[in-house]
Amino acid sequence: MPITQSAKKALRQNIRRRVQNVRKMDAVKSAVKKYKKLASEKKTAEAEKQLSLVYKAIDKAVKTNSLNRNKGSRMKSRLAKLAR
């Protein structure tokens, strides 16, 4: 357990940030999962709509450093290939 005041505050900040990061990554994972399911079922119109939602979730995660910038770009590139 933290002893000093600064360590206690740092712990509170870490807990808050972890919750936010987990939420953002869960949003990314669920969006990707829905998109992959639609792409595998050959539902192209719905998959295209879902792809924009996936991009949005990935971009938000990258913006807040929950996800590395290069990994986000790589994910978007690979997911875009699936639709073809």
PDB file of N, CA and C in Angstrom:
ATOM      1  N   MET A   1       0.834  -1.179   0.000  1.00  0.00           N
ATOM      2  CA  MET A   1       0.000   0.000   0.000  1.00  0.00           C
ATOM      3  C   MET A   1       0.881   1.246   0.000  1.00  0.00           C
ATOM      4  N   PRO A   2       0.441   2.288  -0.693  1.00  0.00           N
ATOM      5  CA  PRO A   2       1.229   3.518  -0.710  1.00  0.00           C
ATOM      6  C   PRO A   2       1.222   4.190   0.667  1.00  0.00           C
ATOM      7  N   ILE A   3       2.333   4.831   0.970  1.00  0.00           N
ATOM      8  CA  ILE A   3       2.464   5.480   2.273  1.00  0.00           C
ATOM      9  C   ILE A   3       2.384   7.001   2.130  1.00  0.00           C
ATOM     10  N   THR A   4       3.145   7.552   1.217  1.00  0.00           N
ATOM     11  CA  THR A   4       3.178   9.009   1.067  1.00  0.00           C
ATOM     12  C   THR A   4       1.937   9.510   0.330  1.00  0.00           C
ATOM     13  N   GLN A   5       1.667  10.807   0.509  1.00  0.00           N
ATOM     14  CA  GLN A   5       0.511  11.422  -0.135  1.00  0.00           C
ATOM     15  C   GLN A   5       0.610  11.323  -1.657  1.00  0.00           C
ATOM     16  N   SER A   6       1.799  11.563  -2.194  1.00  0.00           N
ATOM     17  CA  SER A   6       1.960  11.533  -3.652  1.00  0.00           C
ATOM     18  C   SER A   6       1.751  10.127  -4.196  1.00  0.00           C
ATOM     19  N   ALA A   7       2.160   9.120  -3.427  1.00  0.00           N
ATOM     20  CA  ALA A   7       1.961   7.739  -3.859  1.00  0.00           C
ATOM     21  C   ALA A   7       0.477   7.375  -3.823  1.00  0.00           C
ATOM     22  N   LYS A   8      -0.232   7.895  -2.846  1.00  0.00           N
ATOM     23  CA  LYS A   8      -1.676   7.636  -2.756  1.00  0.00           C
ATOM     24  C   LYS A   8      -2.405   8.266  -3.939  1.00  0.00           C
ATOM     25  N   LYS A   9      -2.011   9.497  -4.272  1.00  0.00           N
ATOM     26  CA  LYS A   9      -2.631  10.173  -5.409  1.00  0.00           C
ATOM     27  C   LYS A   9      -2.306   9.439  -6.706  1.00  0.00           C
ATOM     28  N   ALA A  10      -1.044   8.999  -6.841  1.00  0.00           N
ATOM     29  CA  ALA A  10      -0.647   8.270  -8.043  1.00  0.00           C
ATOM     30  C   ALA A  10      -1.462   6.994  -8.191  1.00  0.00           C
ATOM     31  N   LEU A  11      -1.740   6.319  -7.092  1.00  0.00           N
ATOM     32  CA  LEU A  11      -2.554   5.105  -7.134  1.00  0.00           C
ATOM     33  C   LEU A  11      -3.969   5.418  -7.612  1.00  0.00           C
ATOM     34  N   ARG A  12      -4.553   6.507  -7.089  1.00  0.00           N
ATOM     35  CA  ARG A  12      -5.900   6.905  -7.523  1.00  0.00           C
ATOM     36  C   ARG A  12      -5.919   7.206  -9.018  1.00  0.00           C
ATOM     37  N   GLN A  13      -4.879   7.906  -9.495  1.00  0.00           N
ATOM     38  CA  GLN A  13      -4.800   8.239 -10.911  1.00  0.00           C
ATOM     39  C   GLN A  13      -4.661   6.979 -11.761  1.00  0.00           C
ATOM     40  N   ASN A  14      -3.820   6.045 -11.315  1.00  0.00           N
ATOM     41  CA  ASN A  14      -3.609   4.805 -12.070  1.00  0.00           C
ATOM     42  C   ASN A  14      -4.890   3.999 -12.184  1.00  0.00           C
ATOM     43  N   ILE A  15      -5.648   3.944 -11.104  1.00  0.00           N
ATOM     44  CA  ILE A  15      -6.908   3.195 -11.123  1.00  0.00           C
ATOM     45  C   ILE A  15      -7.874   3.831 -12.117  1.00  0.00           C
ATOM     46  N   ARG A  16      -7.990   5.175 -12.071  1.00  0.00           N
ATOM     47  CA  ARG A  16      -8.891   5.894 -12.965  1.00  0.00           C
ATOM     48  C   ARG A  16      -8.486   5.697 -14.424  1.00  0.00           C
ATOM     49  N   ARG A  17      -7.198   5.816 -14.683  1.00  0.00           N
ATOM     50  CA  ARG A  17      -6.712   5.671 -16.052  1.00  0.00           C
ATOM     51  C   ARG A  17      -6.892   4.252 -16.564  1.00  0.00           C
ATOM     52  N   ARG A  18      -6.681   3.276 -15.691  1.00  0.00           N
ATOM     53  CA  ARG A  18      -6.850   1.878 -16.097  1.00  0.00           C
ATOM     54  C   ARG A  18      -8.290   1.604 -16.525  1.00  0.00           C
ATOM     55  N   VAL A  19      -9.238   2.130 -15.787  1.00  0.00           N
ATOM     56  CA  VAL A  19     -10.655   1.943 -16.128  1.00  0.00           C
ATOM     57  C   VAL A  19     -10.938   2.521 -17.508  1.00  0.00           C
ATOM     58  N   GLN A  20     -10.418   3.724 -17.767  1.00  0.00           N
ATOM     59  CA  GLN A  20     -10.642   4.358 -19.065  1.00  0.00           C
ATOM     60  C   GLN A  20      -9.990   3.563 -20.190  1.00  0.00           C
ATOM     61  N   ASN A  21      -8.761   3.092 -19.944  1.00  0.00           N
ATOM     62  CA  ASN A  21      -8.055   2.325 -20.971  1.00  0.00           C
ATOM     63  C   ASN A  21      -8.772   1.011 -21.275  1.00  0.00           C
ATOM     64  N   VAL A  22      -9.235   0.343 -20.234  1.00  0.00           N
ATOM     65  CA  VAL A  22      -9.933  -0.931 -20.431  1.00  0.00           C
ATOM     66  C   VAL A  22     -11.216  -0.714 -21.218  1.00  0.00           C
ATOM     67  N   ARG A  23     -11.944   0.365 -20.915  1.00  0.00           N
ATOM     68  CA  ARG A  23     -13.179   0.664 -21.643  1.00  0.00           C
ATOM     69  C   ARG A  23     -12.912   0.886 -23.129  1.00  0.00           C
ATOM     70  N   LYS A  24     -11.884   1.671 -23.409  1.00  0.00           N
ATOM     71  CA  LYS A  24     -11.564   1.963 -24.810  1.00  0.00           C
ATOM     72  C   LYS A  24     -11.141   0.706 -25.551  1.00  0.00           C
ATOM     73  N   MET A  25     -10.328  -0.130 -24.918  1.00  0.00           N
ATOM     74  CA  MET A  25      -9.868  -1.342 -25.586  1.00  0.00           C
ATOM     75  C   MET A  25     -11.006  -2.348 -25.750  1.00  0.00           C
ATOM     76  N   ASP A  26     -11.931  -2.385 -24.795  1.00  0.00           N
ATOM     77  CA  ASP A  26     -13.102  -3.257 -24.936  1.00  0.00           C
ATOM     78  C   ASP A  26     -13.954  -2.800 -26.120  1.00  0.00           C
ATOM     79  N   ALA A  27     -14.082  -1.487 -26.298  1.00  0.00           N
ATOM     80  CA  ALA A  27     -14.847  -0.955 -27.423  1.00  0.00           C
ATOM     81  C   ALA A  27     -14.195  -1.359 -28.741  1.00  0.00           C
ATOM     82  N   VAL A  28     -12.870  -1.281 -28.786  1.00  0.00           N
ATOM     83  CA  VAL A  28     -12.141  -1.671 -29.998  1.00  0.00           C
ATOM     84  C   VAL A  28     -12.352  -3.151 -30.277  1.00  0.00           C
ATOM     85  N   LYS A  29     -12.161  -3.974 -29.264  1.00  0.00           N
ATOM     86  CA  LYS A  29     -12.266  -5.425 -29.460  1.00  0.00           C
ATOM     87  C   LYS A  29     -13.660  -5.854 -29.887  1.00  0.00           C
ATOM     88  N   SER A  30     -14.687  -5.268 -29.271  1.00  0.00           N
ATOM     89  CA  SER A  30     -16.049  -5.665 -29.639  1.00  0.00           C
ATOM     90  C   SER A  30     -16.392  -5.199 -31.051  1.00  0.00           C
ATOM     91  N   ALA A  31     -15.940  -3.995 -31.430  1.00  0.00           N
ATOM     92  CA  ALA A  31     -16.203  -3.491 -32.776  1.00  0.00           C
ATOM     93  C   ALA A  31     -15.507  -4.353 -33.823  1.00  0.00           C
ATOM     94  N   VAL A  32     -14.265  -4.742 -33.542  1.00  0.00           N
ATOM     95  CA  VAL A  32     -13.511  -5.593 -34.470  1.00  0.00           C
ATOM     96  C   VAL A  32     -14.176  -6.952 -34.598  1.00  0.00           C
ATOM     97  N   LYS A  33     -14.643  -7.479 -33.489  1.00  0.00           N
ATOM     98  CA  LYS A  33     -15.296  -8.793 -33.497  1.00  0.00           C
ATOM     99  C   LYS A  33     -16.565  -8.770 -34.358  1.00  0.00           C
ATOM    100  N   LYS A  34     -17.377  -7.718 -34.195  1.00  0.00           N
ATOM    101  CA  LYS A  34     -18.601  -7.589 -35.009  1.00  0.00           C
ATOM    102  C   LYS A  34     -18.253  -7.476 -36.487  1.00  0.00           C
ATOM    103  N   TYR A  35     -17.218  -6.677 -36.776  1.00  0.00           N
ATOM    104  CA  TYR A  35     -16.819  -6.472 -38.168  1.00  0.00           C
ATOM    105  C   TYR A  35     -16.328  -7.773 -38.793  1.00  0.00           C
ATOM    106  N   LYS A  36     -15.508  -8.516 -38.072  1.00  0.00           N
ATOM    107  CA  LYS A  36     -14.987  -9.778 -38.616  1.00  0.00           C
ATOM    108  C   LYS A  36     -16.108 -10.772 -38.864  1.00  0.00           C
ATOM    109  N   LYS A  37     -17.108 -10.772 -37.983  1.00  0.00           N
ATOM    110  CA  LYS A  37     -18.241 -11.673 -38.170  1.00  0.00           C
ATOM    111  C   LYS A  37     -19.012 -11.308 -39.436  1.00  0.00           C
ATOM    112  N   LEU A  38     -19.263 -10.019 -39.627  1.00  0.00           N
ATOM    113  CA  LEU A  38     -19.981  -9.567 -40.825  1.00  0.00           C
ATOM    114  C   LEU A  38     -19.168  -9.840 -42.092  1.00  0.00           C
ATOM    115  N   ALA A  39     -17.865  -9.631 -42.017  1.00  0.00           N
ATOM    116  CA  ALA A  39     -17.005  -9.859 -43.185  1.00  0.00           C
ATOM    117  C   ALA A  39     -16.980 -11.336 -43.548  1.00  0.00           C
ATOM    118  N   SER A  40     -16.969 -12.212 -42.543  1.00  0.00           N
ATOM    119  CA  SER A  40     -16.931 -13.643 -42.833  1.00  0.00           C
ATOM    120  C   SER A  40     -18.265 -14.139 -43.399  1.00  0.00           C
ATOM    121  N   GLU A  41     -19.348 -13.462 -43.049  1.00  0.00           N
ATOM    122  CA  GLU A  41     -20.665 -13.837 -43.558  1.00  0.00           C
ATOM    123  C   GLU A  41     -20.972 -13.178 -44.907  1.00  0.00           C
ATOM    124  N   LYS A  42     -20.024 -12.428 -45.440  1.00  0.00           N
ATOM    125  CA  LYS A  42     -20.143 -11.760 -46.745  1.00  0.00           C
ATOM    126  C   LYS A  42     -21.267 -10.728 -46.781  1.00  0.00           C
ATOM    127  N   LYS A  43     -21.536 -10.084 -45.666  1.00  0.00           N
ATOM    128  CA  LYS A  43     -22.526  -9.008 -45.620  1.00  0.00           C
ATOM    129  C   LYS A  43     -21.777  -7.690 -45.810  1.00  0.00           C
ATOM    130  N   THR A  44     -21.514  -7.358 -47.061  1.00  0.00           N
ATOM    131  CA  THR A  44     -20.608  -6.248 -47.363  1.00  0.00           C
ATOM    132  C   THR A  44     -21.163  -4.879 -46.952  1.00  0.00           C
ATOM    133  N   ALA A  45     -22.442  -4.634 -47.169  1.00  0.00           N
ATOM    134  CA  ALA A  45     -23.009  -3.324 -46.839  1.00  0.00           C
ATOM    135  C   ALA A  45     -22.923  -3.060 -45.337  1.00  0.00           C
ATOM    136  N   GLU A  46     -23.303  -4.059 -44.559  1.00  0.00           N
ATOM    137  CA  GLU A  46     -23.254  -3.904 -43.105  1.00  0.00           C
ATOM    138  C   GLU A  46     -21.813  -3.856 -42.615  1.00  0.00           C
ATOM    139  N   ALA A  47     -20.950  -4.599 -43.268  1.00  0.00           N
ATOM    140  CA  ALA A  47     -19.538  -4.604 -42.879  1.00  0.00           C
ATOM    141  C   ALA A  47     -18.894  -3.244 -43.118  1.00  0.00           C
ATOM    142  N   GLU A  48     -19.285  -2.579 -44.208  1.00  0.00           N
ATOM    143  CA  GLU A  48     -18.738  -1.250 -44.495  1.00  0.00           C
ATOM    144  C   GLU A  48     -19.143  -0.253 -43.403  1.00  0.00           C
ATOM    145  N   LYS A  49     -20.403  -0.321 -42.953  1.00  0.00           N
ATOM    146  CA  LYS A  49     -20.847   0.557 -41.875  1.00  0.00           C
ATOM    147  C   LYS A  49     -20.086   0.254 -40.586  1.00  0.00           C
ATOM    148  N   GLN A  50     -19.907  -1.025 -40.322  1.00  0.00           N
ATOM    149  CA  GLN A  50     -19.197  -1.431 -39.102  1.00  0.00           C
ATOM    150  C   GLN A  50     -17.725  -1.032 -39.165  1.00  0.00           C
ATOM    151  N   LEU A  51     -17.151  -1.033 -40.365  1.00  0.00           N
ATOM    152  CA  LEU A  51     -15.738  -0.668 -40.510  1.00  0.00           C
ATOM    153  C   LEU A  51     -15.501   0.773 -40.071  1.00  0.00           C
ATOM    154  N   SER A  52     -16.435   1.660 -40.375  1.00  0.00           N
ATOM    155  CA  SER A  52     -16.265   3.049 -39.948  1.00  0.00           C
ATOM    156  C   SER A  52     -16.336   3.157 -38.418  1.00  0.00           C
ATOM    157  N   LEU A  53     -17.166   2.326 -37.797  1.00  0.00           N
ATOM    158  CA  LEU A  53     -17.239   2.313 -36.331  1.00  0.00           C
ATOM    159  C   LEU A  53     -15.957   1.751 -35.727  1.00  0.00           C
ATOM    160  N   VAL A  54     -15.386   0.754 -36.411  1.00  0.00           N
ATOM    161  CA  VAL A  54     -14.115   0.176 -35.954  1.00  0.00           C
ATOM    162  C   VAL A  54     -13.021   1.239 -36.031  1.00  0.00           C
ATOM    163  N   TYR A  55     -12.971   1.959 -37.144  1.00  0.00           N
ATOM    164  CA  TYR A  55     -11.975   3.026 -37.312  1.00  0.00           C
ATOM    165  C   TYR A  55     -12.120   4.074 -36.204  1.00  0.00           C
ATOM    166  N   LYS A  56     -13.360   4.425 -35.911  1.00  0.00           N
ATOM    167  CA  LYS A  56     -13.627   5.430 -34.890  1.00  0.00           C
ATOM    168  C   LYS A  56     -13.106   4.964 -33.525  1.00  0.00           C
ATOM    169  N   ALA A  57     -13.386   3.705 -33.177  1.00  0.00           N
ATOM    170  CA  ALA A  57     -12.937   3.169 -31.887  1.00  0.00           C
ATOM    171  C   ALA A  57     -11.417   3.102 -31.824  1.00  0.00           C
ATOM    172  N   ILE A  58     -10.787   2.672 -32.913  1.00  0.00           N
ATOM    173  CA  ILE A  58      -9.327   2.573 -32.946  1.00  0.00           C
ATOM    174  C   ILE A  58      -8.714   3.968 -32.828  1.00  0.00           C
ATOM    175  N   ASP A  59      -9.261   4.932 -33.556  1.00  0.00           N
ATOM    176  CA  ASP A  59      -8.724   6.295 -33.518  1.00  0.00           C
ATOM    177  C   ASP A  59      -8.841   6.914 -32.120  1.00  0.00           C
ATOM    178  N   LYS A  60      -9.937   6.647 -31.448  1.00  0.00           N
ATOM    179  CA  LYS A  60     -10.101   7.170 -30.088  1.00  0.00           C
ATOM    180  C   LYS A  60      -9.094   6.533 -29.133  1.00  0.00           C
ATOM    181  N   ALA A  61      -8.859   5.241 -29.292  1.00  0.00           N
ATOM    182  CA  ALA A  61      -7.894   4.558 -28.430  1.00  0.00           C
ATOM    183  C   ALA A  61      -6.478   5.069 -28.698  1.00  0.00           C
ATOM    184  N   VAL A  62      -6.156   5.327 -29.958  1.00  0.00           N
ATOM    185  CA  VAL A  62      -4.834   5.839 -30.311  1.00  0.00           C
ATOM    186  C   VAL A  62      -4.662   7.263 -29.782  1.00  0.00           C
ATOM    187  N   LYS A  63      -5.711   8.059 -29.881  1.00  0.00           N
ATOM    188  CA  LYS A  63      -5.651   9.457 -29.451  1.00  0.00           C
ATOM    189  C   LYS A  63      -5.298   9.568 -27.970  1.00  0.00           C
ATOM    190  N   THR A  64      -5.792   8.653 -27.162  1.00  0.00           N
ATOM    191  CA  THR A  64      -5.548   8.697 -25.719  1.00  0.00           C
ATOM    192  C   THR A  64      -4.420   7.767 -25.287  1.00  0.00           C
ATOM    193  N   ASN A  65      -3.668   7.250 -26.241  1.00  0.00           N
ATOM    194  CA  ASN A  65      -2.517   6.372 -25.977  1.00  0.00           C
ATOM    195  C   ASN A  65      -2.896   5.062 -25.284  1.00  0.00           C
ATOM    196  N   SER A  66      -4.147   4.638 -25.420  1.00  0.00           N
ATOM    197  CA  SER A  66      -4.527   3.316 -24.937  1.00  0.00           C
ATOM    198  C   SER A  66      -3.999   2.265 -25.898  1.00  0.00           C
ATOM    199  N   LEU A  67      -3.780   2.679 -27.140  1.00  0.00           N
ATOM    200  CA  LEU A  67      -3.313   1.804 -28.206  1.00  0.00           C
ATOM    201  C   LEU A  67      -2.194   2.531 -28.931  1.00  0.00           C
ATOM    202  N   ASN A  68      -1.123   1.816 -29.250  1.00  0.00           N
ATOM    203  CA  ASN A  68      -0.002   2.423 -29.957  1.00  0.00           C
ATOM    204  C   ASN A  68      -0.418   2.863 -31.352  1.00  0.00           C
ATOM    205  N   ARG A  69       0.131   3.983 -31.808  1.00  0.00           N
ATOM    206  CA  ARG A  69      -0.234   4.564 -33.108  1.00  0.00           C
ATOM    207  C   ARG A  69       0.020   3.596 -34.254  1.00  0.00           C
ATOM    208  N   ASN A  70       1.165   2.942 -34.234  1.00  0.00           N
ATOM    209  CA  ASN A  70       1.492   2.024 -35.326  1.00  0.00           C
ATOM    210  C   ASN A  70       0.603   0.781 -35.297  1.00  0.00           C
ATOM    211  N   LYS A  71       0.288   0.300 -34.112  1.00  0.00           N
ATOM    212  CA  LYS A  71      -0.592  -0.855 -34.023  1.00  0.00           C
ATOM    213  C   LYS A  71      -1.990  -0.509 -34.526  1.00  0.00           C
ATOM    214  N   GLY A  72      -2.451   0.695 -34.215  1.00  0.00           N
ATOM    215  CA  GLY A  72      -3.749   1.135 -34.706  1.00  0.00           C
ATOM    216  C   GLY A  72      -3.782   1.185 -36.222  1.00  0.00           C
ATOM    217  N   SER A  73      -2.727   1.719 -36.820  1.00  0.00           N
ATOM    218  CA  SER A  73      -2.653   1.784 -38.281  1.00  0.00           C
ATOM    219  C   SER A  73      -2.611   0.393 -38.891  1.00  0.00           C
ATOM    220  N   ARG A  74      -1.855  -0.486 -38.277  1.00  0.00           N
ATOM    221  CA  ARG A  74      -1.743  -1.851 -38.774  1.00  0.00           C
ATOM    222  C   ARG A  74      -3.086  -2.571 -38.698  1.00  0.00           C
ATOM    223  N   MET A  75      -3.795  -2.382 -37.590  1.00  0.00           N
ATOM    224  CA  MET A  75      -5.114  -3.005 -37.445  1.00  0.00           C
ATOM    225  C   MET A  75      -6.080  -2.501 -38.513  1.00  0.00           C
ATOM    226  N   LYS A  76      -6.101  -1.194 -38.732  1.00  0.00           N
ATOM    227  CA  LYS A  76      -7.002  -0.619 -39.721  1.00  0.00           C
ATOM    228  C   LYS A  76      -6.691  -1.144 -41.117  1.00  0.00           C
ATOM    229  N   SER A  77      -5.417  -1.259 -41.417  1.00  0.00           N
ATOM    230  CA  SER A  77      -5.011  -1.755 -42.738  1.00  0.00           C
ATOM    231  C   SER A  77      -5.454  -3.205 -42.944  1.00  0.00           C
ATOM    232  N   ARG A  78      -5.213  -4.016 -41.951  1.00  0.00           N
ATOM    233  CA  ARG A  78      -5.567  -5.441 -42.070  1.00  0.00           C
ATOM    234  C   ARG A  78      -7.066  -5.656 -42.117  1.00  0.00           C
ATOM    235  N   LEU A  79      -7.805  -4.853 -41.357  1.00  0.00           N
ATOM    236  CA  LEU A  79      -9.262  -4.986 -41.358  1.00  0.00           C
ATOM    237  C   LEU A  79      -9.849  -4.523 -42.688  1.00  0.00           C
ATOM    238  N   ALA A  80      -9.247  -3.522 -43.286  1.00  0.00           N
ATOM    239  CA  ALA A  80      -9.742  -3.040 -44.572  1.00  0.00           C
ATOM    240  C   ALA A  80      -9.538  -4.110 -45.654  1.00  0.00           C
ATOM    241  N   LYS A  81      -8.494  -4.893 -45.533  1.00  0.00           N
ATOM    242  CA  LYS A  81      -8.242  -5.971 -46.505  1.00  0.00           C
ATOM    243  C   LYS A  81      -9.305  -7.060 -46.417  1.00  0.00           C
ATOM    244  N   LEU A  82      -9.859  -7.270 -45.227  1.00  0.00           N
ATOM    245  CA  LEU A  82     -10.849  -8.337 -45.035  1.00  0.00           C
ATOM    246  C   LEU A  82     -12.109  -8.132 -45.886  1.00  0.00           C
ATOM    247  N   ALA A  83     -12.486  -6.885 -46.084  1.00  0.00           N
ATOM    248  CA  ALA A  83     -13.732  -6.597 -46.798  1.00  0.00           C
ATOM    249  C   ALA A  83     -13.652  -6.965 -48.266  1.00  0.00           C
ATOM    250  N   ARG A  84     -12.450  -7.016 -48.804  1.00  0.00           N
ATOM    251  CA  ARG A  84     -12.304  -7.291 -50.240  1.00  0.00           C
ATOM    252  C   ARG A  84     -12.463  -8.739 -50.574  1.00  0.00           C
TER     253      ARG A  84
END
